Amino acid sequence: MKLLKSIGKTAAVVSMGMLMASSAFAADVTIRIGHLNPEDPFQSHSGAMTAVFKSLVETASNGEIEVKLYPNGQLGKDNEVIDQVRNGLLESSISSSGGVAQHYPLVGVFDLPFAFPNISVASKVITKDSTFGKKFVADMEAKTGLKTLGLIDSGGFFVFSNNERPIKSVEDMEGLKIRTMTLPTHEAIISSLGGKPTALPWAEVYTALQTGTADGQMNPVPIIAFAKFDEVQKYLSISNHVITPYVWFMNQEFYDGLSPEHKEIVDWASEVATESGRNMSRVIEASNKGLPLLAEKMEVNAIPPAELEKFAASAQPAVRKLIEEKYGEEGTAMLDTLLADIDANK
């Protein structure tokens, strides 16, 4: 085990992994991973995760395991790719909360606005190993039948962009058509702030913003950047109102069929890869591939703390009520566990 982990820490892994990928020898095992985001590890956390995982696994297995990557939604919508993993048509996926919600609705507990005070606390809680993460993953695995390889944030806190005006107060949200994922909790956030939620699949968002079907949207900075929304949006308002998870799934039957040695490689490699993705999100956000890039074309403003308190006062009760009504005692208990872990890590 120590030898395998030491391999993962050496710079030689990347170049060796590239050589493995080009080898003519057939692998004993193939792991295919689908995700929505760019393959470039310097553009998205799932790109970074899959690149690191592929390199580590192919090298440590001496070519016995081949990892094939299917980025940019090549295999379908998020929920469809998860279906493929559940049905054994695909070995693995890295999926947003929008896709996960259609298979495990309790992912909606993450959507309580302004629950996380900062990214440090979010990084400690949105992980398989946190007190909350252990409960969340165990319940999700029991209800979906899927193995969870990693739990990571969506790339940072969500912020607002739109084409009408800078958002500096709750009043500025009035009447704005804001694209959301097909999540009742996200729709409740926008409605509670006076906006008009417009649920659209990811593939349609750019065109909707371009044509005015939606005035704006909400996403983390890295996602806004790689999606090139700065081409079709004028204003970016830093609200940091919610942060959601991405879940890395693997077909349980496939995982159970791996040899003990291959399981060990998959386990530690996915752990290293998840942390690589988490760290890459912070780098992208702060670099010329993130907020500085967007600021070249968009007018950027940070919503003042006093105004954010008004946002929270409007949105939190609406979302909490929805969680309690839609998910019952089970959802309330999961939300309370999340909030308790957030408080413990402040």
Protein backbone atom coordinates (compact mmCIF):
# COMPACT_ATOMS: atom_id res chain seq x y z
CA MET A 1 0.00 0.00 0.00
CA LYS A 2 2.80 2.42 0.93
CA LEU A 3 4.57 1.59 -2.31
CA LEU A 4 1.44 2.30 -4.35
CA LYS A 5 0.86 5.63 -2.60
CA SER A 6 4.48 6.61 -3.15
CA ILE A 7 4.02 5.98 -6.86
CA GLY A 8 1.14 8.43 -6.86
CA LYS A 9 3.38 11.12 -5.43
CA THR A 10 6.10 10.98 -8.06
CA ALA A 11 6.29 13.24 -11.07
CA ALA A 12 7.16 10.25 -13.25
CA VAL A 13 3.60 8.96 -13.03
CA VAL A 14 2.22 11.37 -15.61
CA SER A 15 4.72 10.55 -18.33
CA MET A 16 4.57 6.81 -17.58
CA GLY A 17 0.78 6.91 -17.73
CA MET A 18 0.93 8.53 -21.17
CA LEU A 19 3.17 5.74 -22.36
CA MET A 20 0.76 3.14 -20.99
CA ALA A 21 -2.14 4.78 -22.82
CA SER A 22 -0.34 4.42 -26.13
CA SER A 23 0.71 0.82 -25.52
CA ALA A 24 -0.40 -1.81 -28.02
CA PHE A 25 -1.00 -4.38 -25.26
CA ALA A 26 -4.63 -5.10 -24.44
CA ALA A 27 -5.66 -4.37 -20.86
CA ASP A 28 -7.34 -6.97 -18.65
CA VAL A 29 -9.85 -4.43 -17.32
CA THR A 30 -11.35 -1.30 -18.88
CA ILE A 31 -12.88 1.57 -16.87
CA ARG A 32 -14.90 4.04 -18.94
CA ILE A 33 -15.73 7.36 -17.26
CA GLY A 34 -18.30 9.84 -18.57
CA HIS A 35 -18.71 13.46 -17.44
CA LEU A 36 -20.14 16.75 -18.72
CA ASN A 37 -17.08 18.97 -18.52
CA PRO A 38 -13.99 19.62 -20.70
CA GLU A 39 -11.26 16.98 -20.77
CA ASP A 40 -8.54 19.60 -20.27
CA PRO A 41 -7.43 19.24 -16.61
CA PHE A 42 -6.76 22.98 -16.50
CA GLN A 43 -10.37 23.84 -17.37
CA SER A 44 -12.48 21.72 -15.04
CA HIS A 45 -12.16 19.72 -11.85
CA SER A 46 -13.63 16.60 -13.46
CA GLY A 47 -11.09 16.97 -16.26
CA ALA A 48 -8.33 17.08 -13.65
CA MET A 49 -9.80 14.17 -11.70
CA THR A 50 -10.07 11.87 -14.70
CA ALA A 51 -6.61 12.79 -16.01
CA VAL A 52 -4.97 12.03 -12.67
CA PHE A 53 -7.01 8.86 -12.15
CA LYS A 54 -6.15 7.54 -15.61
CA SER A 55 -2.44 8.17 -15.13
CA LEU A 56 -2.25 6.64 -11.66
CA VAL A 57 -4.39 3.58 -12.39
CA GLU A 58 -2.78 2.64 -15.69
CA THR A 59 0.71 3.06 -14.26
CA ALA A 60 0.15 1.33 -10.91
CA SER A 61 -1.61 -1.62 -12.60
CA ASN A 62 1.25 -1.98 -15.08
CA GLY A 63 -1.24 -1.62 -17.91
CA GLU A 64 -3.64 -4.26 -16.61
CA ILE A 65 -6.33 -1.56 -16.25
CA GLU A 66 -7.14 0.84 -19.09
CA VAL A 67 -9.10 4.02 -18.35
CA LYS A 68 -11.12 5.55 -21.22
CA LEU A 69 -12.49 9.07 -20.85
CA TYR A 70 -15.70 10.47 -22.34
CA PRO A 71 -15.89 14.19 -21.45
CA ASN A 72 -18.13 17.01 -22.73
CA GLY A 73 -21.35 15.05 -22.34
CA GLN A 74 -20.43 12.66 -25.17
CA LEU A 75 -22.53 9.89 -23.64
CA GLY A 76 -25.65 11.95 -22.95
CA LYS A 77 -27.19 14.09 -20.24
CA ASP A 78 -25.98 13.78 -16.67
CA ASN A 79 -28.89 11.69 -15.42
CA GLU A 80 -28.67 9.48 -18.53
CA VAL A 81 -24.99 8.76 -17.89
CA ILE A 82 -25.79 7.78 -14.30
CA ASP A 83 -28.47 5.45 -15.71
CA GLN A 84 -25.81 3.85 -17.87
CA VAL A 85 -23.62 3.26 -14.81
CA ARG A 86 -26.54 1.82 -12.82
CA ASN A 87 -27.41 -0.52 -15.69
CA GLY A 88 -23.82 -1.68 -16.19
CA LEU A 89 -23.47 -0.12 -19.65
CA LEU A 90 -20.74 2.19 -18.31
CA GLU A 91 -18.33 1.68 -15.44
CA SER A 92 -18.16 5.20 -13.97
CA SER A 93 -19.41 8.80 -14.09
CA ILE A 94 -18.69 12.14 -12.42
CA SER A 95 -22.02 13.91 -12.14
CA SER A 96 -23.49 17.22 -11.00
CA SER A 97 -26.21 17.51 -8.37
CA GLY A 98 -28.74 18.12 -11.14
CA GLY A 99 -28.12 14.65 -12.54
CA VAL A 100 -27.74 13.03 -9.13
CA ALA A 101 -31.07 14.48 -7.93
CA GLN A 102 -33.00 12.35 -10.42
CA HIS A 103 -31.53 9.24 -8.81
CA TYR A 104 -31.06 10.45 -5.23
CA PRO A 105 -33.31 13.45 -4.43
CA LEU A 106 -31.82 14.06 -0.97
CA VAL A 107 -28.84 15.71 -2.67
CA GLY A 108 -31.15 18.74 -2.46
CA VAL A 109 -30.14 19.33 1.18
CA PHE A 110 -26.99 21.01 -0.13
CA ASP A 111 -29.12 23.77 -1.62
CA LEU A 112 -29.92 25.63 1.60
CA PRO A 113 -28.61 29.11 0.63
CA PHE A 114 -25.72 30.63 2.56
CA ALA A 115 -25.31 27.50 4.69
CA PHE A 116 -21.53 27.39 4.09
CA PRO A 117 -19.60 30.41 5.40
CA ASN A 118 -16.53 29.93 3.19
CA ILE A 119 -14.75 27.53 0.86
CA SER A 120 -12.52 26.16 3.63
CA VAL A 121 -15.51 24.83 5.55
CA ALA A 122 -17.10 23.55 2.34
CA SER A 123 -13.93 21.60 1.50
CA LYS A 124 -13.95 19.93 4.91
CA VAL A 125 -17.62 18.95 4.76
CA ILE A 126 -18.14 18.04 1.07
CA THR A 127 -16.00 14.93 1.22
CA LYS A 128 -16.60 11.21 1.76
CA ASP A 129 -14.67 11.30 5.02
CA SER A 130 -16.54 14.06 6.89
CA THR A 131 -19.14 13.23 9.53
CA PHE A 132 -21.87 14.34 7.14
CA GLY A 133 -20.18 12.78 4.10
CA LYS A 134 -20.14 9.32 5.65
CA LYS A 135 -23.87 9.45 6.38
CA PHE A 136 -24.73 10.99 3.02
CA VAL A 137 -22.67 8.52 0.99
CA ALA A 138 -23.94 5.48 2.92
CA ASP A 139 -27.55 6.50 2.32
CA MET A 140 -26.94 7.35 -1.33
CA GLU A 141 -25.19 4.03 -1.98
CA ALA A 142 -27.98 2.09 -0.27
CA LYS A 143 -30.68 3.78 -2.38
CA THR A 144 -28.92 3.88 -5.75
CA GLY A 145 -26.90 0.66 -5.59
CA LEU A 146 -23.88 2.61 -6.83
CA LYS A 147 -20.36 2.76 -5.41
CA THR A 148 -19.21 6.30 -4.55
CA LEU A 149 -15.56 6.90 -5.41
CA GLY A 150 -15.52 10.62 -4.60
CA LEU A 151 -17.53 13.56 -3.28
CA ILE A 152 -16.38 17.04 -4.28
CA ASP A 153 -17.78 20.55 -4.61
CA SER A 154 -19.10 21.77 -7.95
CA GLY A 155 -16.07 23.97 -8.61
CA GLY A 156 -16.76 26.69 -6.07
CA PHE A 157 -19.66 28.79 -4.86
CA PHE A 158 -22.43 29.70 -7.28
CA VAL A 159 -22.57 33.32 -8.47
CA PHE A 160 -25.09 35.11 -10.67
CA SER A 161 -24.64 36.36 -14.22
CA ASN A 162 -27.21 38.17 -16.35
CA ASN A 163 -27.71 40.56 -19.24
CA GLU A 164 -30.00 43.13 -17.62
CA ARG A 165 -28.19 44.79 -14.70
CA PRO A 166 -25.66 44.27 -11.92
CA ILE A 167 -27.22 42.46 -8.96
CA LYS A 168 -26.41 44.50 -5.87
CA SER A 169 -29.56 43.92 -3.80
CA VAL A 170 -32.53 41.58 -3.58
CA GLU A 171 -34.56 44.17 -5.48
CA ASP A 172 -32.26 43.74 -8.48
CA MET A 173 -33.43 40.11 -8.80
CA GLU A 174 -37.00 41.16 -9.50
CA GLY A 175 -38.32 39.66 -12.72
CA LEU A 176 -34.99 38.23 -13.93
CA LYS A 177 -35.33 34.93 -15.79
CA ILE A 178 -32.56 32.86 -14.22
CA ARG A 179 -31.70 29.45 -15.64
CA THR A 180 -31.55 26.69 -13.05
CA MET A 181 -30.94 22.97 -13.11
CA THR A 182 -34.10 20.88 -12.79
CA LEU A 183 -33.90 21.12 -9.01
CA PRO A 184 -36.94 22.31 -7.01
CA THR A 185 -34.59 23.76 -4.41
CA HIS A 186 -32.81 25.95 -6.98
CA GLU A 187 -36.13 27.06 -8.41
CA ALA A 188 -37.23 27.98 -4.87
CA ILE A 189 -34.10 30.09 -4.37
CA ILE A 190 -34.82 32.18 -7.46
CA SER A 191 -38.54 32.50 -6.76
CA SER A 192 -37.96 33.58 -3.16
CA LEU A 193 -35.69 36.38 -4.39
CA GLY A 194 -38.26 37.68 -6.88
CA GLY A 195 -36.74 36.12 -9.99
CA LYS A 196 -38.29 33.74 -12.50
CA PRO A 197 -36.65 30.29 -12.44
CA THR A 198 -36.09 28.85 -15.91
CA ALA A 199 -35.17 25.16 -15.75
CA LEU A 200 -33.09 24.07 -18.76
CA PRO A 201 -30.70 21.19 -19.51
CA TRP A 202 -27.04 22.12 -19.62
CA ALA A 203 -26.72 21.71 -23.39
CA GLU A 204 -29.30 24.46 -23.97
CA VAL A 205 -27.98 27.11 -21.58
CA TYR A 206 -25.58 29.01 -23.88
CA THR A 207 -28.21 29.42 -26.59
CA ALA A 208 -30.86 30.40 -24.04
CA LEU A 209 -28.63 33.18 -22.71
CA GLN A 210 -27.73 34.26 -26.23
CA THR A 211 -31.35 34.48 -27.42
CA GLY A 212 -32.87 35.89 -24.24
CA THR A 213 -34.87 32.79 -23.34
CA ALA A 214 -33.08 33.27 -20.03
CA ASP A 215 -31.70 36.59 -18.76
CA GLY A 216 -29.08 34.93 -16.63
CA GLN A 217 -27.88 31.86 -14.80
CA MET A 218 -26.01 30.75 -11.69
CA ASN A 219 -22.90 28.60 -11.56
CA PRO A 220 -19.39 28.52 -10.07
CA VAL A 221 -16.79 30.73 -11.76
CA PRO A 222 -14.83 27.84 -13.40
CA ILE A 223 -18.00 26.56 -15.07
CA ILE A 224 -19.00 30.02 -16.30
CA ALA A 225 -15.48 30.41 -17.72
CA PHE A 226 -15.17 27.11 -19.61
CA ALA A 227 -18.76 27.44 -20.87
CA LYS A 228 -17.78 30.85 -22.33
CA PHE A 229 -20.81 32.57 -20.84
CA ASP A 230 -18.82 35.80 -20.89
CA GLU A 231 -19.60 35.82 -24.62
CA VAL A 232 -23.34 36.08 -23.95
CA GLN A 233 -23.57 37.74 -20.49
CA LYS A 234 -22.76 41.29 -19.41
CA TYR A 235 -22.85 41.23 -15.61
CA LEU A 236 -21.30 38.92 -13.01
CA SER A 237 -22.39 39.36 -9.40
CA ILE A 238 -20.50 37.53 -6.65
CA SER A 239 -23.17 36.18 -4.33
CA ASN A 240 -21.61 32.88 -3.16
CA HIS A 241 -25.13 31.79 -2.26
CA VAL A 242 -24.88 28.04 -2.65
CA ILE A 243 -22.34 25.30 -3.28
CA THR A 244 -23.37 21.89 -4.58
CA PRO A 245 -21.61 18.54 -4.91
CA TYR A 246 -20.37 16.50 -7.82
CA VAL A 247 -20.52 12.76 -7.16
CA TRP A 248 -18.12 10.23 -8.66
CA PHE A 249 -20.00 6.97 -9.13
CA MET A 250 -18.89 3.48 -10.13
CA ASN A 251 -21.04 0.47 -10.95
CA GLN A 252 -21.06 -1.60 -7.76
CA GLU A 253 -21.08 -4.99 -9.50
CA PHE A 254 -18.11 -3.95 -11.64
CA TYR A 255 -16.21 -2.75 -8.56
CA ASP A 256 -17.01 -5.96 -6.65
CA GLY A 257 -15.66 -7.96 -9.59
CA LEU A 258 -12.22 -6.35 -9.45
CA SER A 259 -9.35 -8.26 -7.92
CA PRO A 260 -8.23 -7.12 -4.43
CA GLU A 261 -5.13 -5.57 -6.00
CA HIS A 262 -7.15 -3.65 -8.59
CA LYS A 263 -9.65 -2.47 -5.96
CA GLU A 264 -6.79 -1.11 -3.90
CA ILE A 265 -5.46 0.83 -6.88
CA VAL A 266 -8.91 2.23 -7.76
CA ASP A 267 -9.54 3.26 -4.14
CA TRP A 268 -6.36 5.22 -3.53
CA ALA A 269 -6.16 6.62 -7.07
CA SER A 270 -9.71 7.99 -6.85
CA GLU A 271 -8.86 9.57 -3.49
CA VAL A 272 -5.80 11.31 -4.93
CA ALA A 273 -7.71 12.31 -8.07
CA THR A 274 -10.59 13.83 -6.09
CA GLU A 275 -8.22 16.01 -4.08
CA SER A 276 -6.49 17.02 -7.31
CA GLY A 277 -9.84 18.16 -8.69
CA ARG A 278 -10.67 20.07 -5.52
CA ASN A 279 -7.37 21.93 -5.65
CA MET A 280 -7.62 22.57 -9.39
CA SER A 281 -10.95 24.35 -8.88
CA ARG A 282 -9.28 26.83 -6.55
CA VAL A 283 -6.46 27.41 -9.07
CA ILE A 284 -8.85 27.89 -12.00
CA GLU A 285 -10.99 30.32 -10.02
CA ALA A 286 -8.05 32.57 -9.18
CA SER A 287 -6.11 32.27 -12.46
CA ASN A 288 -6.50 33.78 -15.90
CA LYS A 289 -8.80 30.84 -16.69
CA GLY A 290 -11.30 31.99 -14.03
CA LEU A 291 -12.45 35.27 -12.55
CA PRO A 292 -9.70 37.46 -14.08
CA LEU A 293 -10.63 36.08 -17.50
CA LEU A 294 -14.33 36.80 -17.02
CA ALA A 295 -13.59 40.31 -15.76
CA GLU A 296 -12.05 41.18 -19.12
CA LYS A 297 -15.50 41.08 -20.78
CA MET A 298 -18.00 41.23 -17.93
CA GLU A 299 -18.78 43.89 -15.33
CA VAL A 300 -18.02 42.20 -11.99
CA ASN A 301 -19.37 43.26 -8.61
CA ALA A 302 -19.41 41.70 -5.15
CA ILE A 303 -22.74 41.92 -3.33
CA PRO A 304 -22.13 43.67 0.05
CA PRO A 305 -22.41 41.50 3.20
CA ALA A 306 -25.34 43.54 4.54
CA GLU A 307 -27.28 42.86 1.35
CA LEU A 308 -26.35 39.17 1.39
CA GLU A 309 -28.02 38.92 4.80
CA LYS A 310 -31.23 40.08 3.12
CA PHE A 311 -30.76 37.46 0.39
CA ALA A 312 -30.38 34.79 3.08
CA ALA A 313 -33.42 36.07 5.00
CA SER A 314 -35.55 35.70 1.86
CA ALA A 315 -34.19 32.45 0.47
CA GLN A 316 -33.30 30.26 3.46
CA PRO A 317 -36.83 29.87 4.89
CA ALA A 318 -38.27 29.05 1.45
CA VAL A 319 -35.72 26.32 0.74
CA ARG A 320 -35.85 24.88 4.26
CA LYS A 321 -39.64 24.65 4.00
CA LEU A 322 -39.36 22.91 0.63
CA ILE A 323 -36.87 20.36 1.97
CA GLU A 324 -39.09 19.64 4.97
CA GLU A 325 -42.22 19.26 2.82
CA LYS A 326 -40.70 17.41 -0.12
CA TYR A 327 -38.32 15.07 1.70
CA GLY A 328 -40.04 14.76 5.07
CA GLU A 329 -38.33 13.71 8.29
CA GLU A 330 -35.60 11.95 6.34
CA GLY A 331 -34.66 15.13 4.47
CA THR A 332 -34.85 17.26 7.61
CA ALA A 333 -32.57 14.86 9.47
CA MET A 334 -30.05 14.84 6.61
CA LEU A 335 -30.11 18.65 6.44
CA ASP A 336 -29.61 18.93 10.22
CA THR A 337 -26.61 16.59 10.00
CA LEU A 338 -25.16 18.79 7.26
CA LEU A 339 -25.66 21.98 9.28
CA ALA A 340 -24.16 20.41 12.40
CA ASP A 341 -21.05 19.38 10.46
CA ILE A 342 -20.75 22.88 8.99
CA ASP A 343 -20.88 24.36 12.50
CA ALA A 344 -18.28 21.85 13.74
CA ASN A 345 -15.86 22.87 11.00
CA LYS A 346 -16.16 26.66 11.26
